[in-house]
Amino acid sequence: MREYKTQIKEIITTTTFSTPLGEMFAAASKKGIVMLTFFTHFHIEAKIEILKNTLNADVIPANGEIFEVLKIQLEEYFDKKRTTFEIPLQLVGSPFQVKCWKELLNIPYGKTISYKEHIANANAQNMIAILVPCHRVISSDGKPLNYNGGVEKKEFLLKLEQNDK
């Protein structure tokens, strides 16, 4: 008798919701948030393909508790009632990228570091905007870098955080 091995795929659930910066797209695995990005269709499709291939996953739209927690925490952040996030994350990338993103998590709310202090390519590939605060990495001349949502969104986030002082 022939034996067949079935491959069990991960399931990644997705949703969209509104923020003061516009529509955002979120994706989660059973381990945590794998993507939070500003809504740009092509941008999202490319990231979904990376997730599908890296995690051997199917992607489906769905509501879930993790998205409710995410929405609440983001609302609190935008209302200046939250400076840190307590939601599980699953960072998907190369070991080098994951190491860089973990460093981003150490940048305190309302603070910035210069581009020279961080590797820009890994930062540009960050799939979890706001929660993994790539907006806190700025160029050596003090200006926000133009990737993952654009300069205007980064300026908004920096102003939100720095006006909290």
C-alpha atoms as a PDB file:
ATOM      1  CA  MET A   1       0.000   0.000   0.000  1.00  0.00           C
ATOM      2  CA  ARG A   2       1.296   3.413  -0.919  1.00  0.00           C
ATOM      3  CA  GLU A   3       1.709   5.930   1.912  1.00  0.00           C
ATOM      4  CA  TYR A   4       0.930   9.571   1.320  1.00  0.00           C
ATOM      5  CA  LYS A   5       2.310  12.294   3.499  1.00  0.00           C
ATOM      6  CA  THR A   6       0.047  15.250   3.866  1.00  0.00           C
ATOM      7  CA  GLN A   7       1.516  18.575   4.621  1.00  0.00           C
ATOM      8  CA  ILE A   8      -0.337  20.604   7.209  1.00  0.00           C
ATOM      9  CA  LYS A   9      -0.424  24.254   6.315  1.00  0.00           C
ATOM     10  CA  GLU A  10      -0.427  27.153   8.728  1.00  0.00           C
ATOM     11  CA  ILE A  11      -3.417  29.445   8.618  1.00  0.00           C
ATOM     12  CA  ILE A  12      -2.889  33.178   8.552  1.00  0.00           C
ATOM     13  CA  THR A  13      -5.977  35.239   9.248  1.00  0.00           C
ATOM     14  CA  THR A  14      -6.356  38.801   7.972  1.00  0.00           C
ATOM     15  CA  THR A  15      -8.491  41.848   8.578  1.00  0.00           C
ATOM     16  CA  THR A  16      -8.610  45.549   7.783  1.00  0.00           C
ATOM     17  CA  PHE A  17      -9.580  48.456  10.000  1.00  0.00           C
ATOM     18  CA  SER A  18      -9.486  52.232  10.181  1.00  0.00           C
ATOM     19  CA  THR A  19      -6.951  54.344  12.086  1.00  0.00           C
ATOM     20  CA  PRO A  20      -6.248  58.075  12.160  1.00  0.00           C
ATOM     21  CA  LEU A  21      -3.683  57.367   9.417  1.00  0.00           C
ATOM     22  CA  GLY A  22      -6.182  55.576   7.188  1.00  0.00           C
ATOM     23  CA  GLU A  23      -6.969  51.946   6.497  1.00  0.00           C
ATOM     24  CA  MET A  24      -4.557  49.336   7.815  1.00  0.00           C
ATOM     25  CA  PHE A  25      -4.209  45.654   6.991  1.00  0.00           C
ATOM     26  CA  ALA A  26      -3.347  43.124   9.700  1.00  0.00           C
ATOM     27  CA  ALA A  27      -2.428  39.444   9.525  1.00  0.00           C
ATOM     28  CA  ALA A  28      -1.894  36.938  12.327  1.00  0.00           C
ATOM     29  CA  SER A  29      -0.694  33.384  12.754  1.00  0.00           C
ATOM     30  CA  LYS A  30      -1.463  31.297  15.806  1.00  0.00           C
ATOM     31  CA  LYS A  31       1.805  32.688  17.277  1.00  0.00           C
ATOM     32  CA  GLY A  32       0.934  36.370  16.907  1.00  0.00           C
ATOM     33  CA  ILE A  33       0.715  39.362  14.596  1.00  0.00           C
ATOM     34  CA  VAL A  34       2.806  38.773  11.452  1.00  0.00           C
ATOM     35  CA  MET A  35       1.821  41.897   9.540  1.00  0.00           C
ATOM     36  CA  LEU A  36       0.430  45.341  10.233  1.00  0.00           C
ATOM     37  CA  THR A  37       0.754  47.690   7.314  1.00  0.00           C
ATOM     38  CA  PHE A  38      -0.795  50.721   5.715  1.00  0.00           C
ATOM     39  CA  PHE A  39      -3.242  49.785   3.003  1.00  0.00           C
ATOM     40  CA  THR A  40      -1.515  49.697  -0.358  1.00  0.00           C
ATOM     41  CA  HIS A  41      -2.819  46.747  -2.364  1.00  0.00           C
ATOM     42  CA  PHE A  42       0.378  45.846  -4.262  1.00  0.00           C
ATOM     43  CA  HIS A  43       2.490  46.275  -1.149  1.00  0.00           C
ATOM     44  CA  ILE A  44       0.210  43.941   0.817  1.00  0.00           C
ATOM     45  CA  GLU A  45       0.069  41.288  -1.905  1.00  0.00           C
ATOM     46  CA  ALA A  46       3.881  41.062  -2.015  1.00  0.00           C
ATOM     47  CA  LYS A  47       4.084  40.706   1.764  1.00  0.00           C
ATOM     48  CA  ILE A  48       1.327  38.075   1.794  1.00  0.00           C
ATOM     49  CA  GLU A  49       3.301  36.030  -0.748  1.00  0.00           C
ATOM     50  CA  ILE A  50       6.360  36.191   1.518  1.00  0.00           C
ATOM     51  CA  LEU A  51       4.279  34.999   4.474  1.00  0.00           C
ATOM     52  CA  LYS A  52       2.608  32.216   2.478  1.00  0.00           C
ATOM     53  CA  ASN A  53       5.953  30.912   1.233  1.00  0.00           C
ATOM     54  CA  THR A  54       7.960  31.353   4.432  1.00  0.00           C
ATOM     55  CA  LEU A  55       5.330  29.904   6.762  1.00  0.00           C
ATOM     56  CA  ASN A  56       3.814  27.416   4.292  1.00  0.00           C
ATOM     57  CA  ALA A  57       0.469  29.033   4.973  1.00  0.00           C
ATOM     58  CA  ASP A  58      -2.937  29.698   3.544  1.00  0.00           C
ATOM     59  CA  VAL A  59      -4.305  33.196   4.070  1.00  0.00           C
ATOM     60  CA  ILE A  60      -7.964  33.796   4.860  1.00  0.00           C
ATOM     61  CA  PRO A  61      -9.966  36.829   5.974  1.00  0.00           C
ATOM     62  CA  ALA A  62     -11.333  36.320   9.477  1.00  0.00           C
ATOM     63  CA  ASN A  63     -12.112  38.054  12.733  1.00  0.00           C
ATOM     64  CA  GLY A  64     -10.379  36.934  15.864  1.00  0.00           C
ATOM     65  CA  GLU A  65      -9.559  37.884  19.411  1.00  0.00           C
ATOM     66  CA  ILE A  66      -6.025  38.937  18.515  1.00  0.00           C
ATOM     67  CA  PHE A  67      -7.391  41.524  16.083  1.00  0.00           C
ATOM     68  CA  GLU A  68      -9.766  42.889  18.722  1.00  0.00           C
ATOM     69  CA  VAL A  69      -6.830  43.278  21.129  1.00  0.00           C
ATOM     70  CA  LEU A  70      -4.761  44.900  18.367  1.00  0.00           C
ATOM     71  CA  LYS A  71      -7.518  47.404  17.548  1.00  0.00           C
ATOM     72  CA  ILE A  72      -7.961  48.340  21.224  1.00  0.00           C
ATOM     73  CA  GLN A  73      -4.221  48.781  21.768  1.00  0.00           C
ATOM     74  CA  LEU A  74      -3.845  50.888  18.613  1.00  0.00           C
ATOM     75  CA  GLU A  75      -6.802  53.078  19.624  1.00  0.00           C
ATOM     76  CA  GLU A  76      -5.164  53.597  23.017  1.00  0.00           C
ATOM     77  CA  TYR A  77      -1.854  54.424  21.299  1.00  0.00           C
ATOM     78  CA  PHE A  78      -3.479  57.005  19.008  1.00  0.00           C
ATOM     79  CA  ASP A  79      -5.357  58.456  22.023  1.00  0.00           C
ATOM     80  CA  LYS A  80      -1.992  58.792  23.849  1.00  0.00           C
ATOM     81  CA  LYS A  81      -3.069  56.293  26.508  1.00  0.00           C
ATOM     82  CA  ARG A  82      -0.528  53.608  25.542  1.00  0.00           C
ATOM     83  CA  THR A  83       3.242  53.795  25.017  1.00  0.00           C
ATOM     84  CA  THR A  84       3.981  50.086  24.661  1.00  0.00           C
ATOM     85  CA  PHE A  85       2.152  47.181  23.066  1.00  0.00           C
ATOM     86  CA  GLU A  86       1.382  43.903  24.787  1.00  0.00           C
ATOM     87  CA  ILE A  87       0.430  41.676  21.918  1.00  0.00           C
ATOM     88  CA  PRO A  88       2.298  38.631  20.626  1.00  0.00           C
ATOM     89  CA  LEU A  89       4.334  39.151  17.465  1.00  0.00           C
ATOM     90  CA  GLN A  90       5.790  36.631  15.048  1.00  0.00           C
ATOM     91  CA  LEU A  91       8.633  38.322  13.189  1.00  0.00           C
ATOM     92  CA  VAL A  92       9.035  36.742   9.746  1.00  0.00           C
ATOM     93  CA  GLY A  93      12.316  37.402   7.972  1.00  0.00           C
ATOM     94  CA  SER A  94      15.947  36.404   7.770  1.00  0.00           C
ATOM     95  CA  PRO A  95      17.852  35.954  11.046  1.00  0.00           C
ATOM     96  CA  PHE A  96      19.551  39.301  10.393  1.00  0.00           C
ATOM     97  CA  GLN A  97      16.225  41.085   9.775  1.00  0.00           C
ATOM     98  CA  VAL A  98      14.646  39.593  12.895  1.00  0.00           C
ATOM     99  CA  LYS A  99      17.669  40.700  14.937  1.00  0.00           C
ATOM    100  CA  CYS A 100      17.297  44.265  13.596  1.00  0.00           C
ATOM    101  CA  TRP A 101      13.545  44.336  14.263  1.00  0.00           C
ATOM    102  CA  LYS A 102      14.086  43.145  17.833  1.00  0.00           C
ATOM    103  CA  GLU A 103      16.431  46.107  18.261  1.00  0.00           C
ATOM    104  CA  LEU A 104      13.661  48.426  17.050  1.00  0.00           C
ATOM    105  CA  LEU A 105      11.493  47.127  19.881  1.00  0.00           C
ATOM    106  CA  ASN A 106      14.074  48.551  22.314  1.00  0.00           C
ATOM    107  CA  ILE A 107      13.716  52.140  21.078  1.00  0.00           C
ATOM    108  CA  PRO A 108      11.652  53.910  23.752  1.00  0.00           C
ATOM    109  CA  TYR A 109       8.379  55.633  22.962  1.00  0.00           C
ATOM    110  CA  GLY A 110       9.008  59.231  21.920  1.00  0.00           C
ATOM    111  CA  LYS A 111      12.704  58.657  21.151  1.00  0.00           C
ATOM    112  CA  THR A 112      14.473  58.310  17.813  1.00  0.00           C
ATOM    113  CA  ILE A 113      17.780  56.911  16.630  1.00  0.00           C
ATOM    114  CA  SER A 114      19.739  57.932  13.571  1.00  0.00           C
ATOM    115  CA  TYR A 115      19.845  55.913  10.362  1.00  0.00           C
ATOM    116  CA  LYS A 116      23.575  55.444  11.027  1.00  0.00           C
ATOM    117  CA  GLU A 117      22.686  53.526  14.173  1.00  0.00           C
ATOM    118  CA  HIS A 118      20.567  50.991  12.333  1.00  0.00           C
ATOM    119  CA  ILE A 119      20.538  48.963   9.138  1.00  0.00           C
ATOM    120  CA  ALA A 120      18.078  50.585   6.738  1.00  0.00           C
ATOM    121  CA  ASN A 121      17.449  47.600   4.443  1.00  0.00           C
ATOM    122  CA  ALA A 122      16.150  45.430   7.273  1.00  0.00           C
ATOM    123  CA  ASN A 123      14.113  48.343   8.564  1.00  0.00           C
ATOM    124  CA  ALA A 124      12.496  48.835   5.154  1.00  0.00           C
ATOM    125  CA  GLN A 125      11.377  45.173   5.145  1.00  0.00           C
ATOM    126  CA  ASN A 126       9.627  45.412   8.523  1.00  0.00           C
ATOM    127  CA  MET A 127       6.123  43.943   8.088  1.00  0.00           C
ATOM    128  CA  ILE A 128       4.727  45.128  11.421  1.00  0.00           C
ATOM    129  CA  ALA A 129       4.345  48.913  11.313  1.00  0.00           C
ATOM    130  CA  ILE A 130       3.863  50.903  14.525  1.00  0.00           C
ATOM    131  CA  LEU A 131       4.229  47.851  16.818  1.00  0.00           C
ATOM    132  CA  VAL A 132       7.796  47.331  15.574  1.00  0.00           C
ATOM    133  CA  PRO A 133       8.560  51.051  15.497  1.00  0.00           C
ATOM    134  CA  CYS A 134      10.557  51.621  12.330  1.00  0.00           C
ATOM    135  CA  HIS A 135       9.167  55.167  12.349  1.00  0.00           C
ATOM    136  CA  ARG A 136      11.582  55.888  15.223  1.00  0.00           C
ATOM    137  CA  VAL A 137      14.592  55.433  12.929  1.00  0.00           C
ATOM    138  CA  ILE A 138      15.391  58.703  11.197  1.00  0.00           C
ATOM    139  CA  SER A 139      18.051  59.925   8.782  1.00  0.00           C
ATOM    140  CA  SER A 140      21.218  61.564  10.064  1.00  0.00           C
ATOM    141  CA  ASP A 141      19.693  64.974   9.221  1.00  0.00           C
ATOM    142  CA  GLY A 142      16.755  64.277  11.572  1.00  0.00           C
ATOM    143  CA  LYS A 143      14.102  63.541   8.945  1.00  0.00           C
ATOM    144  CA  PRO A 144      11.906  60.422   8.765  1.00  0.00           C
ATOM    145  CA  LEU A 145      12.935  57.845   6.187  1.00  0.00           C
ATOM    146  CA  ASN A 146      10.596  57.182   3.268  1.00  0.00           C
ATOM    147  CA  TYR A 147       9.527  53.529   3.418  1.00  0.00           C
ATOM    148  CA  ASN A 148       6.730  51.435   4.965  1.00  0.00           C
ATOM    149  CA  GLY A 149       3.971  53.989   4.764  1.00  0.00           C
ATOM    150  CA  GLY A 150       5.691  57.156   3.639  1.00  0.00           C
ATOM    151  CA  VAL A 151       7.177  60.195   5.297  1.00  0.00           C
ATOM    152  CA  GLU A 152       3.827  61.802   6.191  1.00  0.00           C
ATOM    153  CA  LYS A 153       2.712  58.813   8.258  1.00  0.00           C
ATOM    154  CA  LYS A 154       6.070  58.613  10.013  1.00  0.00           C
ATOM    155  CA  GLU A 155       5.986  62.339  10.791  1.00  0.00           C
ATOM    156  CA  PHE A 156       2.475  61.903  12.223  1.00  0.00           C
ATOM    157  CA  LEU A 157       3.608  59.026  14.482  1.00  0.00           C
ATOM    158  CA  LEU A 158       6.733  60.858  15.671  1.00  0.00           C
ATOM    159  CA  LYS A 159       4.740  64.010  16.413  1.00  0.00           C
ATOM    160  CA  LEU A 160       2.124  61.944  18.285  1.00  0.00           C
ATOM    161  CA  GLU A 161       4.813  60.355  20.452  1.00  0.00           C
ATOM    162  CA  GLN A 162       6.995  63.406  20.964  1.00  0.00           C
ATOM    163  CA  ASN A 163       4.097  65.706  21.869  1.00  0.00           C
ATOM    164  CA  ASP A 164       3.409  63.332  24.743  1.00  0.00           C
ATOM    165  CA  LYS A 165       6.409  64.648  26.687  1.00  0.00           C
END
